[in-house]
Every structure is written in C-alpha cells, then in structure tokens.
Amino acid sequence: MKLRTWSAAAALALTALVLPAPGAAAAQLDAAAPPACADGSVCFWSKEGFGGDYWEWTARSGYRDMPPGLHDHVGSFVASTRACFVNWGPVEKRDVFNGDWRSRYLGDFGGRIDGVGPGAC
C-alpha cells in the first residue's frame, strides 16, 4: 500500500480554501445585523449599506409614493411589517415580509420603486 504525502504548498493552499479571510467574519457579522426599524414600519435608505437619505414608512399611513430622494433610488431597506413595493411603469409589485431586509437593493427593484403600501400585493 502506497501512502501519498502532501507538500507544504498543497496543504497551505487547501487551508486557504477552507478558512475564511481575516475580514470575512466581520463582514458576515455586519450582514447578519441590519439596522433596527420600528415595528409596523419599513425603513428606506438611498444608498446601499443603509446610508444616505432616510425615510420611515408606517403601515398605518396607507399607500405612499416614495419621497423624491428615494423615488426609483432605494439602495437598502429593512422591513418590520408586511408591505407591498410598487413600480407603476410598467406595473410591478413586490411582497415584503416582516424581517426582510436588503443592504444592496439599488440594482434590483430599488432602482424602480415608486411607492409602498400595507399588506400583501
């Protein structure tokens, strides 16, 4: 029976594939903890990563158009209630659930969102 031996370079390369990079753990922790948003609300930011202009929509306020700084420009959001994101041209709707959040939304529906309303779409 012939046993294979690993070279130090091969073992190091395998270790690099298995272990995360030093900053990766911190990035994962940040991604797992979005900012707080009050119960019954959806919080919106104009920039990805929860920065820039901020607006808090509440379910009890009913349907609202996005404010000018966020119209077709939502970079990130945190939902603490069920809501419906709406684009009017062409009509598209996205269901959002309590606990949903996105730190990068501008390249997705955040680049088209016109308004938000309560409940399911």
C-alpha atoms as a PDB file:
ATOM      1  CA  MET A   1       0.000   0.000   0.000  1.00  0.00           C
ATOM      2  CA  LYS A   2       1.413   3.348  -1.018  1.00  0.00           C
ATOM      3  CA  LEU A   3       0.632   6.441   1.076  1.00  0.00           C
ATOM      4  CA  ARG A   4       0.611   9.855  -0.508  1.00  0.00           C
ATOM      5  CA  THR A   5       2.313  12.707   1.217  1.00  0.00           C
ATOM      6  CA  TRP A   6       1.193  16.286   0.931  1.00  0.00           C
ATOM      7  CA  SER A   7       3.634  19.007   0.122  1.00  0.00           C
ATOM      8  CA  ALA A   8       3.621  22.034   2.408  1.00  0.00           C
ATOM      9  CA  ALA A   9       2.446  24.192  -0.504  1.00  0.00           C
ATOM     10  CA  ALA A  10      -0.523  21.903  -1.225  1.00  0.00           C
ATOM     11  CA  ALA A  11      -1.525  21.823   2.450  1.00  0.00           C
ATOM     12  CA  LEU A  12      -1.289  25.620   2.673  1.00  0.00           C
ATOM     13  CA  ALA A  13      -3.371  26.047  -0.487  1.00  0.00           C
ATOM     14  CA  LEU A  14      -6.044  23.701   0.869  1.00  0.00           C
ATOM     15  CA  THR A  15      -6.109  25.589   4.187  1.00  0.00           C
ATOM     16  CA  ALA A  16      -6.566  28.896   2.337  1.00  0.00           C
ATOM     17  CA  LEU A  17      -9.629  27.468   0.565  1.00  0.00           C
ATOM     18  CA  VAL A  18     -11.210  26.170   3.758  1.00  0.00           C
ATOM     19  CA  LEU A  19     -10.559  29.050   6.176  1.00  0.00           C
ATOM     20  CA  PRO A  20     -12.230  32.450   5.637  1.00  0.00           C
ATOM     21  CA  ALA A  21     -10.172  35.559   5.037  1.00  0.00           C
ATOM     22  CA  PRO A  22      -9.474  37.618   8.216  1.00  0.00           C
ATOM     23  CA  GLY A  23     -12.057  40.315   7.385  1.00  0.00           C
ATOM     24  CA  ALA A  24     -14.692  37.856   6.168  1.00  0.00           C
ATOM     25  CA  ALA A  25     -16.021  37.073   9.649  1.00  0.00           C
ATOM     26  CA  ALA A  26     -16.557  40.769  10.400  1.00  0.00           C
ATOM     27  CA  ALA A  27     -18.325  41.263   7.058  1.00  0.00           C
ATOM     28  CA  GLN A  28     -20.613  38.305   7.780  1.00  0.00           C
ATOM     29  CA  LEU A  29     -21.494  39.729  11.192  1.00  0.00           C
ATOM     30  CA  ASP A  30     -22.360  43.101   9.628  1.00  0.00           C
ATOM     31  CA  ALA A  31     -24.537  41.401   7.003  1.00  0.00           C
ATOM     32  CA  ALA A  32     -26.366  39.450   9.725  1.00  0.00           C
ATOM     33  CA  ALA A  33     -27.328  42.574  11.675  1.00  0.00           C
ATOM     34  CA  PRO A  34     -29.234  45.206   9.699  1.00  0.00           C
ATOM     35  CA  PRO A  35     -30.166  48.473  11.449  1.00  0.00           C
ATOM     36  CA  ALA A  36     -33.276  48.473  13.626  1.00  0.00           C
ATOM     37  CA  CYS A  37     -36.566  49.664  12.163  1.00  0.00           C
ATOM     38  CA  ALA A  38     -39.605  50.328  14.381  1.00  0.00           C
ATOM     39  CA  ASP A  39     -42.362  47.700  14.466  1.00  0.00           C
ATOM     40  CA  GLY A  40     -45.022  48.407  11.840  1.00  0.00           C
ATOM     41  CA  SER A  41     -42.560  50.265   9.602  1.00  0.00           C
ATOM     42  CA  VAL A  42     -40.316  49.865   6.598  1.00  0.00           C
ATOM     43  CA  CYS A  43     -37.125  51.931   6.696  1.00  0.00           C
ATOM     44  CA  PHE A  44     -35.538  53.031   3.421  1.00  0.00           C
ATOM     45  CA  TRP A  45     -32.086  54.460   2.606  1.00  0.00           C
ATOM     46  CA  SER A  46     -30.951  56.000  -0.676  1.00  0.00           C
ATOM     47  CA  LYS A  47     -27.527  54.350  -0.546  1.00  0.00           C
ATOM     48  CA  GLU A  48     -26.545  50.731  -0.318  1.00  0.00           C
ATOM     49  CA  GLY A  49     -25.321  49.669   3.099  1.00  0.00           C
ATOM     50  CA  PHE A  50     -28.012  51.700   4.922  1.00  0.00           C
ATOM     51  CA  GLY A  51     -26.576  55.149   4.208  1.00  0.00           C
ATOM     52  CA  GLY A  52     -27.701  58.379   2.596  1.00  0.00           C
ATOM     53  CA  ASP A  53     -31.223  59.830   2.723  1.00  0.00           C
ATOM     54  CA  TYR A  54     -33.558  58.035   5.150  1.00  0.00           C
ATOM     55  CA  TRP A  55     -37.339  57.635   5.197  1.00  0.00           C
ATOM     56  CA  GLU A  56     -39.551  55.584   7.506  1.00  0.00           C
ATOM     57  CA  TRP A  57     -42.906  54.463   6.122  1.00  0.00           C
ATOM     58  CA  THR A  58     -45.563  53.145   8.541  1.00  0.00           C
ATOM     59  CA  ALA A  59     -48.240  50.617   7.628  1.00  0.00           C
ATOM     60  CA  ARG A  60     -50.953  52.715   9.280  1.00  0.00           C
ATOM     61  CA  SER A  61     -50.215  55.580   6.862  1.00  0.00           C
ATOM     62  CA  GLY A  62     -51.514  53.528   3.906  1.00  0.00           C
ATOM     63  CA  TYR A  63     -50.098  53.749   0.405  1.00  0.00           C
ATOM     64  CA  ARG A  64     -47.476  56.451  -0.096  1.00  0.00           C
ATOM     65  CA  ASP A  65     -45.369  57.481  -3.058  1.00  0.00           C
ATOM     66  CA  MET A  66     -41.651  57.400  -2.352  1.00  0.00           C
ATOM     67  CA  PRO A  67     -40.194  60.809  -1.447  1.00  0.00           C
ATOM     68  CA  PRO A  68     -38.215  62.475  -4.264  1.00  0.00           C
ATOM     69  CA  GLY A  69     -34.789  61.391  -2.951  1.00  0.00           C
ATOM     70  CA  LEU A  70     -35.871  57.724  -2.871  1.00  0.00           C
ATOM     71  CA  HIS A  71     -38.123  57.556  -5.948  1.00  0.00           C
ATOM     72  CA  ASP A  72     -36.512  54.916  -8.190  1.00  0.00           C
ATOM     73  CA  HIS A  73     -33.498  55.105  -5.864  1.00  0.00           C
ATOM     74  CA  VAL A  74     -33.740  52.810  -2.813  1.00  0.00           C
ATOM     75  CA  GLY A  75     -30.277  51.483  -2.027  1.00  0.00           C
ATOM     76  CA  SER A  76     -31.279  49.463   1.048  1.00  0.00           C
ATOM     77  CA  PHE A  77     -34.271  48.743   3.290  1.00  0.00           C
ATOM     78  CA  VAL A  78     -35.359  46.989   6.486  1.00  0.00           C
ATOM     79  CA  ALA A  79     -38.974  45.802   6.896  1.00  0.00           C
ATOM     80  CA  SER A  80     -40.630  45.412  10.295  1.00  0.00           C
ATOM     81  CA  THR A  81     -44.075  44.767   8.817  1.00  0.00           C
ATOM     82  CA  ARG A  82     -45.699  43.227   5.736  1.00  0.00           C
ATOM     83  CA  ALA A  83     -45.725  45.639   2.784  1.00  0.00           C
ATOM     84  CA  CYS A  84     -46.065  45.882  -0.973  1.00  0.00           C
ATOM     85  CA  PHE A  85     -43.431  47.732  -3.019  1.00  0.00           C
ATOM     86  CA  VAL A  86     -44.883  49.159  -6.246  1.00  0.00           C
ATOM     87  CA  ASN A  87     -43.487  50.324  -9.583  1.00  0.00           C
ATOM     88  CA  TRP A  88     -46.107  51.994 -11.805  1.00  0.00           C
ATOM     89  CA  GLY A  89     -44.491  51.894 -15.242  1.00  0.00           C
ATOM     90  CA  PRO A  90     -44.613  49.027 -16.075  1.00  0.00           C
ATOM     91  CA  VAL A  91     -46.721  47.857 -13.152  1.00  0.00           C
ATOM     92  CA  GLU A  92     -44.684  45.546 -10.920  1.00  0.00           C
ATOM     93  CA  LYS A  93     -45.245  44.689  -7.287  1.00  0.00           C
ATOM     94  CA  ARG A  94     -43.029  43.006  -4.714  1.00  0.00           C
ATOM     95  CA  ASP A  95     -44.278  41.417  -1.498  1.00  0.00           C
ATOM     96  CA  VAL A  96     -42.134  42.271   1.514  1.00  0.00           C
ATOM     97  CA  PHE A  97     -42.428  40.419   4.806  1.00  0.00           C
ATOM     98  CA  ASN A  98     -41.681  41.384   8.404  1.00  0.00           C
ATOM     99  CA  GLY A  99     -37.967  40.735   8.891  1.00  0.00           C
ATOM    100  CA  ASP A 100     -36.983  41.183   5.237  1.00  0.00           C
ATOM    101  CA  TRP A 101     -34.044  43.455   4.500  1.00  0.00           C
ATOM    102  CA  ARG A 102     -31.569  44.168   1.737  1.00  0.00           C
ATOM    103  CA  SER A 103     -28.309  46.050   2.085  1.00  0.00           C
ATOM    104  CA  ARG A 104     -27.914  46.198  -1.718  1.00  0.00           C
ATOM    105  CA  TYR A 105     -31.207  46.893  -3.455  1.00  0.00           C
ATOM    106  CA  LEU A 106     -30.440  49.642  -5.966  1.00  0.00           C
ATOM    107  CA  GLY A 107     -29.509  47.240  -8.785  1.00  0.00           C
ATOM    108  CA  ASP A 108     -32.734  45.302  -8.172  1.00  0.00           C
ATOM    109  CA  PHE A 109     -36.274  46.604  -7.558  1.00  0.00           C
ATOM    110  CA  GLY A 110     -34.860  49.540  -5.573  1.00  0.00           C
ATOM    111  CA  GLY A 111     -33.955  51.177  -8.888  1.00  0.00           C
ATOM    112  CA  ARG A 112     -37.617  51.111  -9.965  1.00  0.00           C
ATOM    113  CA  ILE A 113     -39.701  51.537  -6.784  1.00  0.00           C
ATOM    114  CA  ASP A 114     -42.356  54.263  -6.930  1.00  0.00           C
ATOM    115  CA  GLY A 115     -44.336  53.616  -3.753  1.00  0.00           C
ATOM    116  CA  VAL A 116     -45.139  51.371  -0.812  1.00  0.00           C
ATOM    117  CA  GLY A 117     -48.425  50.148   0.647  1.00  0.00           C
ATOM    118  CA  PRO A 118     -49.574  47.980   3.551  1.00  0.00           C
ATOM    119  CA  GLY A 119     -50.163  44.232   3.424  1.00  0.00           C
ATOM    120  CA  ALA A 120     -49.795  41.753   0.606  1.00  0.00           C
ATOM    121  CA  CYS A 121     -49.577  42.801  -3.032  1.00  0.00           C
END
